Amino acid sequence: MANVAVFFLWRIADSNFMYQNFTISVDNFSSGRVHTLITSAFSHIDVGHIVSNMIGLYFFGMNIGRVFGPEFLLKLYISGAIVGSIFYLVHHAFLAQLFKERRIWSMSPPSRVPGLGASGAVNAIMLLEIFLFPKSTLYFDFIIPVPAILLGIFLIGKDLLRIIEGDPQVSGSAHLGGAAVAAATWLRLHRRMRF
């Protein structure tokens, strides 16, 4: 619901206000807008972005919520959001340093590039389910049945490739932040279940 509300807020609020308060960037964060670690994960501008994230959140979130409860699901979402934002900041701070040293060329300084979307949070939820149930069948692109673990490997590999290739549209670093939360949560649950 919060994602949809912020999506509509983009249509009526001042765009400078939205960029300052609902996107993550090195400049935004270093200006004291720490809240953007979370608010950026509820923020989507285009329809395709919010629809794909909300489909993932619905299907994987329903399963995780059913097994562990809604409070666990919310904590996982927020953790994925924060760690995804931190990974994004670290990656863009590194790129900004390279930009300063003239090792890379870019249209705008990486410290100003805004990030937004629930992808890091959704990745935490989706990959936790994959780690918990690696032999279950998932449908790649809603068509091709594959073992969950293969889809998980593909998703993580694709995000690493995005970072290496410098994909300007999708933040592999934020996705990997979500993956890190999923892995840490899986380890914690795994240890608890063994004893």
C-alpha atoms as a PDB file:
ATOM      1  CA  MET A   1       0.000   0.000   0.000  1.00  0.00           C
ATOM      2  CA  ALA A   2       2.835   2.400   0.873  1.00  0.00           C
ATOM      3  CA  ASN A   3       4.485   1.656  -2.493  1.00  0.00           C
ATOM      4  CA  VAL A   4       1.297   2.587  -4.355  1.00  0.00           C
ATOM      5  CA  ALA A   5       0.830   5.763  -2.276  1.00  0.00           C
ATOM      6  CA  VAL A   6       4.384   6.945  -3.063  1.00  0.00           C
ATOM      7  CA  PHE A   7       3.887   6.030  -6.746  1.00  0.00           C
ATOM      8  CA  PHE A   8       0.916   8.435  -6.872  1.00  0.00           C
ATOM      9  CA  LEU A   9       2.800  11.009  -4.806  1.00  0.00           C
ATOM     10  CA  TRP A  10       5.325  11.212  -7.676  1.00  0.00           C
ATOM     11  CA  ARG A  11       2.446  12.439  -9.865  1.00  0.00           C
ATOM     12  CA  ILE A  12       1.291  15.267  -7.602  1.00  0.00           C
ATOM     13  CA  ALA A  13       4.225  16.391  -5.431  1.00  0.00           C
ATOM     14  CA  ASP A  14       7.121  18.657  -6.377  1.00  0.00           C
ATOM     15  CA  SER A  15       9.750  16.580  -8.208  1.00  0.00           C
ATOM     16  CA  ASN A  16      12.672  18.189  -6.303  1.00  0.00           C
ATOM     17  CA  PHE A  17      11.005  17.234  -3.015  1.00  0.00           C
ATOM     18  CA  MET A  18      10.517  13.664  -4.252  1.00  0.00           C
ATOM     19  CA  TYR A  19      14.103  13.302  -5.482  1.00  0.00           C
ATOM     20  CA  GLN A  20      15.441  14.675  -2.199  1.00  0.00           C
ATOM     21  CA  ASN A  21      13.237  12.511   0.020  1.00  0.00           C
ATOM     22  CA  PHE A  22      12.354   9.377  -1.953  1.00  0.00           C
ATOM     23  CA  THR A  23      15.564   8.463  -3.809  1.00  0.00           C
ATOM     24  CA  ILE A  24      18.899   7.235  -2.510  1.00  0.00           C
ATOM     25  CA  SER A  25      22.136   8.825  -3.706  1.00  0.00           C
ATOM     26  CA  VAL A  26      25.524   9.552  -2.218  1.00  0.00           C
ATOM     27  CA  ASP A  27      24.822  13.302  -2.350  1.00  0.00           C
ATOM     28  CA  ASN A  28      21.384  12.886  -0.774  1.00  0.00           C
ATOM     29  CA  PHE A  29      22.701  10.718   2.037  1.00  0.00           C
ATOM     30  CA  SER A  30      25.742  12.904   2.732  1.00  0.00           C
ATOM     31  CA  SER A  31      23.396  15.911   2.905  1.00  0.00           C
ATOM     32  CA  GLY A  32      21.805  14.328   5.980  1.00  0.00           C
ATOM     33  CA  ARG A  33      18.812  12.643   4.311  1.00  0.00           C
ATOM     34  CA  VAL A  34      19.357   9.349   6.133  1.00  0.00           C
ATOM     35  CA  HIS A  35      15.639   8.514   5.855  1.00  0.00           C
ATOM     36  CA  THR A  36      16.155   7.862   2.133  1.00  0.00           C
ATOM     37  CA  LEU A  37      17.749   4.520   3.099  1.00  0.00           C
ATOM     38  CA  ILE A  38      14.145   3.388   3.663  1.00  0.00           C
ATOM     39  CA  THR A  39      11.921   5.791   1.721  1.00  0.00           C
ATOM     40  CA  SER A  40      13.668   5.019  -1.580  1.00  0.00           C
ATOM     41  CA  ALA A  41      12.518   1.390  -1.221  1.00  0.00           C
ATOM     42  CA  PHE A  42       8.867   2.467  -1.319  1.00  0.00           C
ATOM     43  CA  SER A  43       9.426   4.707  -4.334  1.00  0.00           C
ATOM     44  CA  HIS A  44       8.657   3.940  -8.000  1.00  0.00           C
ATOM     45  CA  ILE A  45       8.206   6.355 -10.904  1.00  0.00           C
ATOM     46  CA  ASP A  46       7.188   4.127 -13.816  1.00  0.00           C
ATOM     47  CA  VAL A  47       4.375   1.596 -13.995  1.00  0.00           C
ATOM     48  CA  GLY A  48       6.489  -1.363 -15.147  1.00  0.00           C
ATOM     49  CA  HIS A  49       8.851  -0.948 -12.202  1.00  0.00           C
ATOM     50  CA  ILE A  50       6.153  -0.933  -9.529  1.00  0.00           C
ATOM     51  CA  VAL A  51       4.152  -3.728 -11.176  1.00  0.00           C
ATOM     52  CA  SER A  52       7.143  -6.104 -11.392  1.00  0.00           C
ATOM     53  CA  ASN A  53       8.186  -5.386  -7.795  1.00  0.00           C
ATOM     54  CA  MET A  54       4.660  -5.743  -6.430  1.00  0.00           C
ATOM     55  CA  ILE A  55       4.128  -9.057  -8.261  1.00  0.00           C
ATOM     56  CA  GLY A  56       7.331 -10.408  -6.689  1.00  0.00           C
ATOM     57  CA  LEU A  57       6.369  -9.019  -3.288  1.00  0.00           C
ATOM     58  CA  TYR A  58       2.889 -10.539  -3.498  1.00  0.00           C
ATOM     59  CA  PHE A  59       3.869 -14.061  -4.541  1.00  0.00           C
ATOM     60  CA  PHE A  60       7.000 -14.490  -2.469  1.00  0.00           C
ATOM     61  CA  GLY A  61       5.773 -12.301   0.398  1.00  0.00           C
ATOM     62  CA  MET A  62       2.600 -14.365   0.758  1.00  0.00           C
ATOM     63  CA  ASN A  63       4.646 -17.535   1.249  1.00  0.00           C
ATOM     64  CA  ILE A  64       7.159 -16.008   3.676  1.00  0.00           C
ATOM     65  CA  GLY A  65       4.343 -14.266   5.595  1.00  0.00           C
ATOM     66  CA  ARG A  66       2.379 -17.500   5.837  1.00  0.00           C
ATOM     67  CA  VAL A  67       5.386 -19.436   7.200  1.00  0.00           C
ATOM     68  CA  PHE A  68       6.880 -16.783   9.526  1.00  0.00           C
ATOM     69  CA  GLY A  69       4.132 -14.196  10.028  1.00  0.00           C
ATOM     70  CA  PRO A  70       3.550 -10.611   8.862  1.00  0.00           C
ATOM     71  CA  GLU A  71       5.895  -9.016  11.431  1.00  0.00           C
ATOM     72  CA  PHE A  72       8.805 -11.167  10.196  1.00  0.00           C
ATOM     73  CA  LEU A  73       7.922 -10.242   6.602  1.00  0.00           C
ATOM     74  CA  LEU A  74       7.918  -6.511   7.402  1.00  0.00           C
ATOM     75  CA  LYS A  75      11.286  -6.757   9.205  1.00  0.00           C
ATOM     76  CA  LEU A  76      12.728  -8.667   6.241  1.00  0.00           C
ATOM     77  CA  TYR A  77      11.419  -6.033   3.807  1.00  0.00           C
ATOM     78  CA  ILE A  78      12.869  -3.133   5.845  1.00  0.00           C
ATOM     79  CA  SER A  79      16.193  -4.960   6.317  1.00  0.00           C
ATOM     80  CA  GLY A  80      16.404  -5.650   2.577  1.00  0.00           C
ATOM     81  CA  ALA A  81      15.581  -2.003   1.877  1.00  0.00           C
ATOM     82  CA  ILE A  82      18.249  -0.618   4.214  1.00  0.00           C
ATOM     83  CA  VAL A  83      21.018  -3.037   3.240  1.00  0.00           C
ATOM     84  CA  GLY A  84      20.125  -2.672  -0.449  1.00  0.00           C
ATOM     85  CA  SER A  85      20.443   1.105  -0.074  1.00  0.00           C
ATOM     86  CA  ILE A  86      23.776   0.733   1.751  1.00  0.00           C
ATOM     87  CA  PHE A  87      25.137  -1.504  -1.022  1.00  0.00           C
ATOM     88  CA  TYR A  88      23.928   1.081  -3.562  1.00  0.00           C
ATOM     89  CA  LEU A  89      25.685   3.895  -1.666  1.00  0.00           C
ATOM     90  CA  VAL A  90      28.964   1.987  -1.329  1.00  0.00           C
ATOM     91  CA  HIS A  91      28.942   1.090  -5.026  1.00  0.00           C
ATOM     92  CA  HIS A  92      28.184   4.666  -6.125  1.00  0.00           C
ATOM     93  CA  ALA A  93      30.719   6.148  -3.691  1.00  0.00           C
ATOM     94  CA  PHE A  94      33.330   3.876  -5.294  1.00  0.00           C
ATOM     95  CA  LEU A  95      32.205   4.976  -8.787  1.00  0.00           C
ATOM     96  CA  ALA A  96      32.300   8.617  -7.660  1.00  0.00           C
ATOM     97  CA  GLN A  97      35.910   8.170  -6.551  1.00  0.00           C
ATOM     98  CA  LEU A  98      36.810   6.688  -9.948  1.00  0.00           C
ATOM     99  CA  PHE A  99      34.957   9.569 -11.619  1.00  0.00           C
ATOM    100  CA  LYS A 100      37.022  12.081  -9.598  1.00  0.00           C
ATOM    101  CA  GLU A 101      40.230  10.376 -10.583  1.00  0.00           C
ATOM    102  CA  ARG A 102      39.059  10.515 -14.235  1.00  0.00           C
ATOM    103  CA  ARG A 103      39.221   6.764 -14.578  1.00  0.00           C
ATOM    104  CA  ILE A 104      35.656   6.625 -15.876  1.00  0.00           C
ATOM    105  CA  TRP A 105      33.497   8.869 -18.001  1.00  0.00           C
ATOM    106  CA  SER A 106      29.856   9.461 -17.201  1.00  0.00           C
ATOM    107  CA  MET A 107      27.129  11.912 -18.145  1.00  0.00           C
ATOM    108  CA  SER A 108      26.631  12.899 -14.515  1.00  0.00           C
ATOM    109  CA  PRO A 109      28.712  12.286 -11.390  1.00  0.00           C
ATOM    110  CA  PRO A 110      27.849   8.888  -9.823  1.00  0.00           C
ATOM    111  CA  SER A 111      27.339  10.578  -6.450  1.00  0.00           C
ATOM    112  CA  ARG A 112      24.257  12.317  -7.870  1.00  0.00           C
ATOM    113  CA  VAL A 113      22.689   9.293  -9.598  1.00  0.00           C
ATOM    114  CA  PRO A 114      19.412   8.553  -7.795  1.00  0.00           C
ATOM    115  CA  GLY A 115      18.256   5.053  -6.965  1.00  0.00           C
ATOM    116  CA  LEU A 116      14.751   4.012  -6.072  1.00  0.00           C
ATOM    117  CA  GLY A 117      12.492   0.978  -5.947  1.00  0.00           C
ATOM    118  CA  ALA A 118      11.626  -2.005  -3.800  1.00  0.00           C
ATOM    119  CA  SER A 119      13.983  -4.371  -5.640  1.00  0.00           C
ATOM    120  CA  GLY A 120      16.486  -4.793  -2.789  1.00  0.00           C
ATOM    121  CA  ALA A 121      13.687  -5.500  -0.311  1.00  0.00           C
ATOM    122  CA  VAL A 122      11.843  -7.820  -2.696  1.00  0.00           C
ATOM    123  CA  ASN A 123      15.106  -9.616  -3.497  1.00  0.00           C
ATOM    124  CA  ALA A 124      15.589 -10.312   0.226  1.00  0.00           C
ATOM    125  CA  ILE A 125      12.127 -11.903   0.401  1.00  0.00           C
ATOM    126  CA  MET A 126      12.390 -13.796  -2.887  1.00  0.00           C
ATOM    127  CA  LEU A 127      15.873 -15.182  -2.262  1.00  0.00           C
ATOM    128  CA  LEU A 128      15.060 -16.195   1.307  1.00  0.00           C
ATOM    129  CA  GLU A 129      12.268 -18.364  -0.057  1.00  0.00           C
ATOM    130  CA  ILE A 130      14.641 -19.788  -2.675  1.00  0.00           C
ATOM    131  CA  PHE A 131      17.277 -20.540  -0.001  1.00  0.00           C
ATOM    132  CA  LEU A 132      14.664 -22.167   2.254  1.00  0.00           C
ATOM    133  CA  PHE A 133      13.046 -24.239  -0.500  1.00  0.00           C
ATOM    134  CA  PRO A 134      15.793 -24.754  -3.127  1.00  0.00           C
ATOM    135  CA  LYS A 135      14.158 -27.808  -4.729  1.00  0.00           C
ATOM    136  CA  SER A 136      10.758 -26.216  -5.272  1.00  0.00           C
ATOM    137  CA  THR A 137       9.706 -25.361  -8.812  1.00  0.00           C
ATOM    138  CA  LEU A 138       9.507 -21.723  -9.888  1.00  0.00           C
ATOM    139  CA  TYR A 139       8.574 -20.368 -13.303  1.00  0.00           C
ATOM    140  CA  PHE A 140      11.204 -18.295 -15.087  1.00  0.00           C
ATOM    141  CA  ASP A 141       9.390 -15.459 -16.906  1.00  0.00           C
ATOM    142  CA  PHE A 142       6.141 -17.130 -15.723  1.00  0.00           C
ATOM    143  CA  ILE A 143       6.635 -19.850 -18.376  1.00  0.00           C
ATOM    144  CA  ILE A 144       9.698 -22.075 -17.936  1.00  0.00           C
ATOM    145  CA  PRO A 145       9.671 -24.369 -14.861  1.00  0.00           C
ATOM    146  CA  VAL A 146      13.065 -24.454 -13.128  1.00  0.00           C
ATOM    147  CA  PRO A 147      14.348 -25.565  -9.711  1.00  0.00           C
ATOM    148  CA  ALA A 148      14.305 -22.569  -7.357  1.00  0.00           C
ATOM    149  CA  ILE A 149      18.037 -22.772  -6.655  1.00  0.00           C
ATOM    150  CA  LEU A 150      18.873 -22.411 -10.370  1.00  0.00           C
ATOM    151  CA  LEU A 151      16.720 -19.295 -10.559  1.00  0.00           C
ATOM    152  CA  GLY A 152      18.485 -17.931  -7.462  1.00  0.00           C
ATOM    153  CA  ILE A 153      21.924 -18.545  -8.987  1.00  0.00           C
ATOM    154  CA  PHE A 154      20.781 -16.905 -12.228  1.00  0.00           C
ATOM    155  CA  LEU A 155      19.427 -13.818 -10.421  1.00  0.00           C
ATOM    156  CA  ILE A 156      22.578 -13.305  -8.342  1.00  0.00           C
ATOM    157  CA  GLY A 157      24.790 -13.874 -11.387  1.00  0.00           C
ATOM    158  CA  LYS A 158      22.753 -11.399 -13.427  1.00  0.00           C
ATOM    159  CA  ASP A 159      23.164  -8.743 -10.720  1.00  0.00           C
ATOM    160  CA  LEU A 160      26.928  -9.291 -10.578  1.00  0.00           C
ATOM    161  CA  LEU A 161      26.999  -8.873 -14.365  1.00  0.00           C
ATOM    162  CA  ARG A 162      24.988  -5.646 -14.084  1.00  0.00           C
ATOM    163  CA  ILE A 163      27.653  -4.221 -11.764  1.00  0.00           C
ATOM    164  CA  ILE A 164      30.526  -5.344 -13.984  1.00  0.00           C
ATOM    165  CA  GLU A 165      28.880  -3.954 -17.136  1.00  0.00           C
ATOM    166  CA  GLY A 166      27.779  -0.731 -15.407  1.00  0.00           C
ATOM    167  CA  ASP A 167      24.056  -1.137 -16.119  1.00  0.00           C
ATOM    168  CA  PRO A 168      22.614   2.393 -15.689  1.00  0.00           C
ATOM    169  CA  GLN A 169      18.971   1.235 -15.477  1.00  0.00           C
ATOM    170  CA  VAL A 170      18.979  -1.538 -12.854  1.00  0.00           C
ATOM    171  CA  SER A 171      21.021  -1.474  -9.644  1.00  0.00           C
ATOM    172  CA  GLY A 172      22.725  -4.826  -9.274  1.00  0.00           C
ATOM    173  CA  SER A 173      24.317  -3.535  -6.060  1.00  0.00           C
ATOM    174  CA  ALA A 174      20.942  -2.870  -4.372  1.00  0.00           C
ATOM    175  CA  HIS A 175      19.728  -6.306  -5.461  1.00  0.00           C
ATOM    176  CA  LEU A 176      22.848  -7.902  -3.992  1.00  0.00           C
ATOM    177  CA  GLY A 177      22.185  -6.059  -0.730  1.00  0.00           C
ATOM    178  CA  GLY A 178      18.819  -7.821  -0.614  1.00  0.00           C
ATOM    179  CA  ALA A 179      20.534 -11.114  -1.418  1.00  0.00           C
ATOM    180  CA  ALA A 180      22.947 -10.565   1.496  1.00  0.00           C
ATOM    181  CA  VAL A 181      19.990 -10.044   3.864  1.00  0.00           C
ATOM    182  CA  ALA A 182      18.372 -13.235   2.553  1.00  0.00           C
ATOM    183  CA  ALA A 183      21.593 -15.199   3.091  1.00  0.00           C
ATOM    184  CA  ALA A 184      22.099 -13.831   6.628  1.00  0.00           C
ATOM    185  CA  THR A 185      18.454 -14.551   7.531  1.00  0.00           C
ATOM    186  CA  TRP A 186      18.686 -18.066   6.086  1.00  0.00           C
ATOM    187  CA  LEU A 187      21.814 -18.760   8.166  1.00  0.00           C
ATOM    188  CA  ARG A 188      20.127 -17.508  11.328  1.00  0.00           C
ATOM    189  CA  LEU A 189      17.000 -19.605  10.693  1.00  0.00           C
ATOM    190  CA  HIS A 190      19.081 -22.628   9.724  1.00  0.00           C
ATOM    191  CA  ARG A 191      21.064 -22.484  12.971  1.00  0.00           C
ATOM    192  CA  ARG A 192      17.895 -22.099  15.013  1.00  0.00           C
ATOM    193  CA  MET A 193      16.189 -25.049  13.288  1.00  0.00           C
ATOM    194  CA  ARG A 194      19.173 -27.361  13.784  1.00  0.00           C
ATOM    195  CA  PHE A 195      19.000 -27.152  17.595  1.00  0.00           C
END
